[in-house]
C-alpha atoms as a PDB file:
ATOM      1  CA  UNK A   1       0.000   0.000   0.000  1.00  0.00           C
ATOM      2  CA  UNK A   2       2.877   2.357   0.844  1.00  0.00           C
ATOM      3  CA  UNK A   3       4.445   1.698  -2.578  1.00  0.00           C
ATOM      4  CA  UNK A   4       1.130   2.582  -4.260  1.00  0.00           C
ATOM      5  CA  UNK A   5       1.047   5.939  -2.450  1.00  0.00           C
ATOM      6  CA  UNK A   6       4.707   6.590  -3.347  1.00  0.00           C
ATOM      7  CA  UNK A   7       4.103   5.842  -7.023  1.00  0.00           C
ATOM      8  CA  UNK A   8       0.886   7.856  -7.083  1.00  0.00           C
ATOM      9  CA  UNK A   9       2.617  10.744  -5.295  1.00  0.00           C
ATOM     10  CA  UNK A  10       5.493  10.676  -7.777  1.00  0.00           C
ATOM     11  CA  UNK A  11       3.137  10.687 -10.753  1.00  0.00           C
ATOM     12  CA  UNK A  12       1.127  13.584  -9.310  1.00  0.00           C
ATOM     13  CA  UNK A  13       4.328  15.510  -8.605  1.00  0.00           C
ATOM     14  CA  UNK A  14       5.600  15.005 -12.178  1.00  0.00           C
ATOM     15  CA  UNK A  15       2.238  16.043 -13.633  1.00  0.00           C
ATOM     16  CA  UNK A  16       2.203  19.195 -11.494  1.00  0.00           C
ATOM     17  CA  UNK A  17       5.788  19.990 -12.498  1.00  0.00           C
ATOM     18  CA  UNK A  18       5.050  19.581 -16.208  1.00  0.00           C
ATOM     19  CA  UNK A  19       1.937  21.752 -15.902  1.00  0.00           C
ATOM     20  CA  UNK A  20       3.978  24.497 -14.237  1.00  0.00           C
ATOM     21  CA  UNK A  21       6.648  24.233 -16.970  1.00  0.00           C
ATOM     22  CA  UNK A  22       4.036  24.545 -19.736  1.00  0.00           C
ATOM     23  CA  UNK A  23       2.329  27.386 -17.898  1.00  0.00           C
ATOM     24  CA  UNK A  24       5.657  29.228 -17.516  1.00  0.00           C
ATOM     25  CA  UNK A  25       6.357  28.935 -21.258  1.00  0.00           C
ATOM     26  CA  UNK A  26       2.852  30.127 -22.164  1.00  0.00           C
ATOM     27  CA  UNK A  27       3.174  33.019 -19.717  1.00  0.00           C
ATOM     28  CA  UNK A  28       6.539  33.974 -21.213  1.00  0.00           C
ATOM     29  CA  UNK A  29       5.006  34.026 -24.709  1.00  0.00           C
ATOM     30  CA  UNK A  30       2.106  36.176 -23.528  1.00  0.00           C
ATOM     31  CA  UNK A  31       4.465  38.540 -21.724  1.00  0.00           C
ATOM     32  CA  UNK A  32       6.994  38.727 -24.584  1.00  0.00           C
ATOM     33  CA  UNK A  33       4.522  39.506 -27.378  1.00  0.00           C
ATOM     34  CA  UNK A  34       4.294  43.244 -28.006  1.00  0.00           C
ATOM     35  CA  UNK A  35       6.532  46.254 -28.633  1.00  0.00           C
ATOM     36  CA  UNK A  36       9.592  46.948 -26.519  1.00  0.00           C
ATOM     37  CA  UNK A  37      11.687  50.127 -26.435  1.00  0.00           C
ATOM     38  CA  UNK A  38      15.383  49.531 -25.721  1.00  0.00           C
ATOM     39  CA  UNK A  39      16.399  51.621 -22.707  1.00  0.00           C
ATOM     40  CA  UNK A  40      20.051  50.667 -22.237  1.00  0.00           C
ATOM     41  CA  UNK A  41      22.850  48.368 -23.277  1.00  0.00           C
ATOM     42  CA  UNK A  42      25.803  47.337 -21.147  1.00  0.00           C
ATOM     43  CA  UNK A  43      28.789  45.707 -22.842  1.00  0.00           C
ATOM     44  CA  UNK A  44      31.430  43.985 -20.727  1.00  0.00           C
ATOM     45  CA  UNK A  45      34.522  42.306 -22.157  1.00  0.00           C
ATOM     46  CA  UNK A  46      36.827  39.849 -20.431  1.00  0.00           C
ATOM     47  CA  UNK A  47      40.212  38.514 -21.447  1.00  0.00           C
ATOM     48  CA  UNK A  48      41.581  35.537 -19.581  1.00  0.00           C
ATOM     49  CA  UNK A  49      38.673  35.967 -17.069  1.00  0.00           C
ATOM     50  CA  UNK A  50      39.686  39.539 -16.205  1.00  0.00           C
ATOM     51  CA  UNK A  51      37.422  42.461 -17.064  1.00  0.00           C
ATOM     52  CA  UNK A  52      39.101  44.599 -19.727  1.00  0.00           C
ATOM     53  CA  UNK A  53      36.247  46.839 -20.838  1.00  0.00           C
ATOM     54  CA  UNK A  54      32.834  47.990 -19.711  1.00  0.00           C
ATOM     55  CA  UNK A  55      30.461  50.520 -21.232  1.00  0.00           C
ATOM     56  CA  UNK A  56      26.800  51.323 -20.625  1.00  0.00           C
ATOM     57  CA  UNK A  57      24.830  53.400 -23.091  1.00  0.00           C
ATOM     58  CA  UNK A  58      21.352  54.829 -22.709  1.00  0.00           C
ATOM     59  CA  UNK A  59      19.139  54.888 -25.776  1.00  0.00           C
ATOM     60  CA  UNK A  60      16.637  57.593 -26.669  1.00  0.00           C
ATOM     61  CA  UNK A  61      12.921  56.737 -26.835  1.00  0.00           C
ATOM     62  CA  UNK A  62      12.103  55.021 -30.156  1.00  0.00           C
ATOM     63  CA  UNK A  63      15.818  54.772 -31.025  1.00  0.00           C
ATOM     64  CA  UNK A  64      15.521  50.979 -31.093  1.00  0.00           C
ATOM     65  CA  UNK A  65      12.144  49.244 -30.794  1.00  0.00           C
ATOM     66  CA  UNK A  66      11.587  45.516 -31.176  1.00  0.00           C
ATOM     67  CA  UNK A  67       8.186  43.981 -31.716  1.00  0.00           C
ATOM     68  CA  UNK A  68       7.635  40.325 -30.874  1.00  0.00           C
ATOM     69  CA  UNK A  69       4.670  38.825 -32.724  1.00  0.00           C
ATOM     70  CA  UNK A  70       2.795  35.709 -31.596  1.00  0.00           C
ATOM     71  CA  UNK A  71       3.683  33.911 -34.856  1.00  0.00           C
ATOM     72  CA  UNK A  72       7.370  33.699 -33.811  1.00  0.00           C
ATOM     73  CA  UNK A  73       8.617  36.685 -35.801  1.00  0.00           C
ATOM     74  CA  UNK A  74      10.245  39.830 -34.530  1.00  0.00           C
ATOM     75  CA  UNK A  75      10.391  43.223 -36.247  1.00  0.00           C
ATOM     76  CA  UNK A  76      13.131  45.716 -35.437  1.00  0.00           C
ATOM     77  CA  UNK A  77      12.673  49.464 -35.864  1.00  0.00           C
ATOM     78  CA  UNK A  78      15.180  52.298 -35.671  1.00  0.00           C
ATOM     79  CA  UNK A  79      13.529  55.663 -34.984  1.00  0.00           C
ATOM     80  CA  UNK A  80      10.203  54.316 -36.325  1.00  0.00           C
ATOM     81  CA  UNK A  81      11.838  53.010 -39.552  1.00  0.00           C
ATOM     82  CA  UNK A  82      11.564  49.265 -40.164  1.00  0.00           C
ATOM     83  CA  UNK A  83      15.040  47.650 -40.257  1.00  0.00           C
ATOM     84  CA  UNK A  84      14.586  43.850 -40.439  1.00  0.00           C
ATOM     85  CA  UNK A  85      12.552  40.812 -39.422  1.00  0.00           C
ATOM     86  CA  UNK A  86      13.894  37.909 -37.381  1.00  0.00           C
ATOM     87  CA  UNK A  87      12.440  34.709 -35.946  1.00  0.00           C
ATOM     88  CA  UNK A  88      12.246  33.882 -32.252  1.00  0.00           C
ATOM     89  CA  UNK A  89      11.608  30.785 -30.150  1.00  0.00           C
ATOM     90  CA  UNK A  90      12.234  29.493 -26.661  1.00  0.00           C
ATOM     91  CA  UNK A  91      14.661  26.712 -25.838  1.00  0.00           C
ATOM     92  CA  UNK A  92      14.125  26.046 -22.161  1.00  0.00           C
ATOM     93  CA  UNK A  93      15.170  29.190 -20.325  1.00  0.00           C
ATOM     94  CA  UNK A  94      16.800  30.697 -23.423  1.00  0.00           C
ATOM     95  CA  UNK A  95      15.358  32.966 -26.091  1.00  0.00           C
ATOM     96  CA  UNK A  96      16.735  32.188 -29.539  1.00  0.00           C
ATOM     97  CA  UNK A  97      16.620  34.923 -32.164  1.00  0.00           C
ATOM     98  CA  UNK A  98      17.516  33.986 -35.741  1.00  0.00           C
ATOM     99  CA  UNK A  99      18.279  36.490 -38.477  1.00  0.00           C
ATOM    100  CA  UNK A 100      18.692  34.723 -41.815  1.00  0.00           C
ATOM    101  CA  UNK A 101      21.129  31.903 -40.919  1.00  0.00           C
ATOM    102  CA  UNK A 102      22.599  33.330 -37.709  1.00  0.00           C
ATOM    103  CA  UNK A 103      21.065  32.386 -34.349  1.00  0.00           C
ATOM    104  CA  UNK A 104      21.799  33.916 -30.978  1.00  0.00           C
ATOM    105  CA  UNK A 105      20.807  32.246 -27.712  1.00  0.00           C
ATOM    106  CA  UNK A 106      20.112  34.685 -24.905  1.00  0.00           C
ATOM    107  CA  UNK A 107      19.168  34.460 -21.288  1.00  0.00           C
ATOM    108  CA  UNK A 108      16.059  36.517 -20.672  1.00  0.00           C
ATOM    109  CA  UNK A 109      13.654  37.726 -18.063  1.00  0.00           C
ATOM    110  CA  UNK A 110      10.303  39.283 -18.856  1.00  0.00           C
ATOM    111  CA  UNK A 111       7.430  40.723 -16.891  1.00  0.00           C
ATOM    112  CA  UNK A 112       4.597  43.131 -17.671  1.00  0.00           C
ATOM    113  CA  UNK A 113       6.875  46.164 -18.072  1.00  0.00           C
ATOM    114  CA  UNK A 114      10.509  45.056 -18.447  1.00  0.00           C
ATOM    115  CA  UNK A 115      12.432  42.722 -20.756  1.00  0.00           C
ATOM    116  CA  UNK A 116      16.110  41.953 -20.222  1.00  0.00           C
ATOM    117  CA  UNK A 117      18.265  40.047 -22.695  1.00  0.00           C
ATOM    118  CA  UNK A 118      21.762  38.760 -21.951  1.00  0.00           C
ATOM    119  CA  UNK A 119      23.968  37.589 -24.803  1.00  0.00           C
ATOM    120  CA  UNK A 120      27.282  35.924 -23.940  1.00  0.00           C
ATOM    121  CA  UNK A 121      29.897  35.372 -26.663  1.00  0.00           C
ATOM    122  CA  UNK A 122      32.947  33.274 -25.799  1.00  0.00           C
ATOM    123  CA  UNK A 123      35.937  32.946 -28.133  1.00  0.00           C
ATOM    124  CA  UNK A 124      39.652  32.329 -27.980  1.00  0.00           C
ATOM    125  CA  UNK A 125      42.239  34.608 -29.575  1.00  0.00           C
ATOM    126  CA  UNK A 126      45.776  33.226 -29.748  1.00  0.00           C
ATOM    127  CA  UNK A 127      44.894  30.708 -27.056  1.00  0.00           C
ATOM    128  CA  UNK A 128      43.585  33.394 -24.668  1.00  0.00           C
ATOM    129  CA  UNK A 129      39.920  32.975 -23.712  1.00  0.00           C
ATOM    130  CA  UNK A 130      37.808  36.058 -24.324  1.00  0.00           C
ATOM    131  CA  UNK A 131      34.199  36.709 -23.402  1.00  0.00           C
ATOM    132  CA  UNK A 132      31.799  39.506 -24.281  1.00  0.00           C
ATOM    133  CA  UNK A 133      28.572  39.946 -22.320  1.00  0.00           C
ATOM    134  CA  UNK A 134      25.872  42.228 -23.721  1.00  0.00           C
ATOM    135  CA  UNK A 135      22.995  43.106 -21.394  1.00  0.00           C
ATOM    136  CA  UNK A 136      20.025  44.885 -22.973  1.00  0.00           C
ATOM    137  CA  UNK A 137      17.111  46.366 -21.026  1.00  0.00           C
ATOM    138  CA  UNK A 138      13.755  47.176 -22.660  1.00  0.00           C
ATOM    139  CA  UNK A 139      10.547  48.781 -21.451  1.00  0.00           C
ATOM    140  CA  UNK A 140       7.138  48.007 -22.881  1.00  0.00           C
ATOM    141  CA  UNK A 141       5.864  50.558 -25.411  1.00  0.00           C
END
Protein backbone atom coordinates (compact mmCIF):
# COMPACT_ATOMS: atom_id res chain seq x y z
CA UNK A 1 0.00 0.00 0.00
CA UNK A 2 2.88 2.36 0.84
CA UNK A 3 4.44 1.70 -2.58
CA UNK A 4 1.13 2.58 -4.26
CA UNK A 5 1.05 5.94 -2.45
CA UNK A 6 4.71 6.59 -3.35
CA UNK A 7 4.10 5.84 -7.02
CA UNK A 8 0.89 7.86 -7.08
CA UNK A 9 2.62 10.74 -5.30
CA UNK A 10 5.49 10.68 -7.78
CA UNK A 11 3.14 10.69 -10.75
CA UNK A 12 1.13 13.58 -9.31
CA UNK A 13 4.33 15.51 -8.60
CA UNK A 14 5.60 15.00 -12.18
CA UNK A 15 2.24 16.04 -13.63
CA UNK A 16 2.20 19.19 -11.49
CA UNK A 17 5.79 19.99 -12.50
CA UNK A 18 5.05 19.58 -16.21
CA UNK A 19 1.94 21.75 -15.90
CA UNK A 20 3.98 24.50 -14.24
CA UNK A 21 6.65 24.23 -16.97
CA UNK A 22 4.04 24.54 -19.74
CA UNK A 23 2.33 27.39 -17.90
CA UNK A 24 5.66 29.23 -17.52
CA UNK A 25 6.36 28.93 -21.26
CA UNK A 26 2.85 30.13 -22.16
CA UNK A 27 3.17 33.02 -19.72
CA UNK A 28 6.54 33.97 -21.21
CA UNK A 29 5.01 34.03 -24.71
CA UNK A 30 2.11 36.18 -23.53
CA UNK A 31 4.47 38.54 -21.72
CA UNK A 32 6.99 38.73 -24.58
CA UNK A 33 4.52 39.51 -27.38
CA UNK A 34 4.29 43.24 -28.01
CA UNK A 35 6.53 46.25 -28.63
CA UNK A 36 9.59 46.95 -26.52
CA UNK A 37 11.69 50.13 -26.43
CA UNK A 38 15.38 49.53 -25.72
CA UNK A 39 16.40 51.62 -22.71
CA UNK A 40 20.05 50.67 -22.24
CA UNK A 41 22.85 48.37 -23.28
CA UNK A 42 25.80 47.34 -21.15
CA UNK A 43 28.79 45.71 -22.84
CA UNK A 44 31.43 43.98 -20.73
CA UNK A 45 34.52 42.31 -22.16
CA UNK A 46 36.83 39.85 -20.43
CA UNK A 47 40.21 38.51 -21.45
CA UNK A 48 41.58 35.54 -19.58
CA UNK A 49 38.67 35.97 -17.07
CA UNK A 50 39.69 39.54 -16.21
CA UNK A 51 37.42 42.46 -17.06
CA UNK A 52 39.10 44.60 -19.73
CA UNK A 53 36.25 46.84 -20.84
CA UNK A 54 32.83 47.99 -19.71
CA UNK A 55 30.46 50.52 -21.23
CA UNK A 56 26.80 51.32 -20.63
CA UNK A 57 24.83 53.40 -23.09
CA UNK A 58 21.35 54.83 -22.71
CA UNK A 59 19.14 54.89 -25.78
CA UNK A 60 16.64 57.59 -26.67
CA UNK A 61 12.92 56.74 -26.84
CA UNK A 62 12.10 55.02 -30.16
CA UNK A 63 15.82 54.77 -31.02
CA UNK A 64 15.52 50.98 -31.09
CA UNK A 65 12.14 49.24 -30.79
CA UNK A 66 11.59 45.52 -31.18
CA UNK A 67 8.19 43.98 -31.72
CA UNK A 68 7.63 40.32 -30.87
CA UNK A 69 4.67 38.83 -32.72
CA UNK A 70 2.79 35.71 -31.60
CA UNK A 71 3.68 33.91 -34.86
CA UNK A 72 7.37 33.70 -33.81
CA UNK A 73 8.62 36.69 -35.80
CA UNK A 74 10.25 39.83 -34.53
CA UNK A 75 10.39 43.22 -36.25
CA UNK A 76 13.13 45.72 -35.44
CA UNK A 77 12.67 49.46 -35.86
CA UNK A 78 15.18 52.30 -35.67
CA UNK A 79 13.53 55.66 -34.98
CA UNK A 80 10.20 54.32 -36.33
CA UNK A 81 11.84 53.01 -39.55
CA UNK A 82 11.56 49.26 -40.16
CA UNK A 83 15.04 47.65 -40.26
CA UNK A 84 14.59 43.85 -40.44
CA UNK A 85 12.55 40.81 -39.42
CA UNK A 86 13.89 37.91 -37.38
CA UNK A 87 12.44 34.71 -35.95
CA UNK A 88 12.25 33.88 -32.25
CA UNK A 89 11.61 30.78 -30.15
CA UNK A 90 12.23 29.49 -26.66
CA UNK A 91 14.66 26.71 -25.84
CA UNK A 92 14.13 26.05 -22.16
CA UNK A 93 15.17 29.19 -20.32
CA UNK A 94 16.80 30.70 -23.42
CA UNK A 95 15.36 32.97 -26.09
CA UNK A 96 16.73 32.19 -29.54
CA UNK A 97 16.62 34.92 -32.16
CA UNK A 98 17.52 33.99 -35.74
CA UNK A 99 18.28 36.49 -38.48
CA UNK A 100 18.69 34.72 -41.81
CA UNK A 101 21.13 31.90 -40.92
CA UNK A 102 22.60 33.33 -37.71
CA UNK A 103 21.07 32.39 -34.35
CA UNK A 104 21.80 33.92 -30.98
CA UNK A 105 20.81 32.25 -27.71
CA UNK A 106 20.11 34.68 -24.91
CA UNK A 107 19.17 34.46 -21.29
CA UNK A 108 16.06 36.52 -20.67
CA UNK A 109 13.65 37.73 -18.06
CA UNK A 110 10.30 39.28 -18.86
CA UNK A 111 7.43 40.72 -16.89
CA UNK A 112 4.60 43.13 -17.67
CA UNK A 113 6.88 46.16 -18.07
CA UNK A 114 10.51 45.06 -18.45
CA UNK A 115 12.43 42.72 -20.76
CA UNK A 116 16.11 41.95 -20.22
CA UNK A 117 18.26 40.05 -22.70
CA UNK A 118 21.76 38.76 -21.95
CA UNK A 119 23.97 37.59 -24.80
CA UNK A 120 27.28 35.92 -23.94
CA UNK A 121 29.90 35.37 -26.66
CA UNK A 122 32.95 33.27 -25.80
CA UNK A 123 35.94 32.95 -28.13
CA UNK A 124 39.65 32.33 -27.98
CA UNK A 125 42.24 34.61 -29.57
CA UNK A 126 45.78 33.23 -29.75
CA UNK A 127 44.89 30.71 -27.06
CA UNK A 128 43.58 33.39 -24.67
CA UNK A 129 39.92 32.97 -23.71
CA UNK A 130 37.81 36.06 -24.32
CA UNK A 131 34.20 36.71 -23.40
CA UNK A 132 31.80 39.51 -24.28
CA UNK A 133 28.57 39.95 -22.32
CA UNK A 134 25.87 42.23 -23.72
CA UNK A 135 23.00 43.11 -21.39
CA UNK A 136 20.02 44.89 -22.97
CA UNK A 137 17.11 46.37 -21.03
CA UNK A 138 13.76 47.18 -22.66
CA UNK A 139 10.55 48.78 -21.45
CA UNK A 140 7.14 48.01 -22.88
CA UNK A 141 5.86 50.56 -25.41
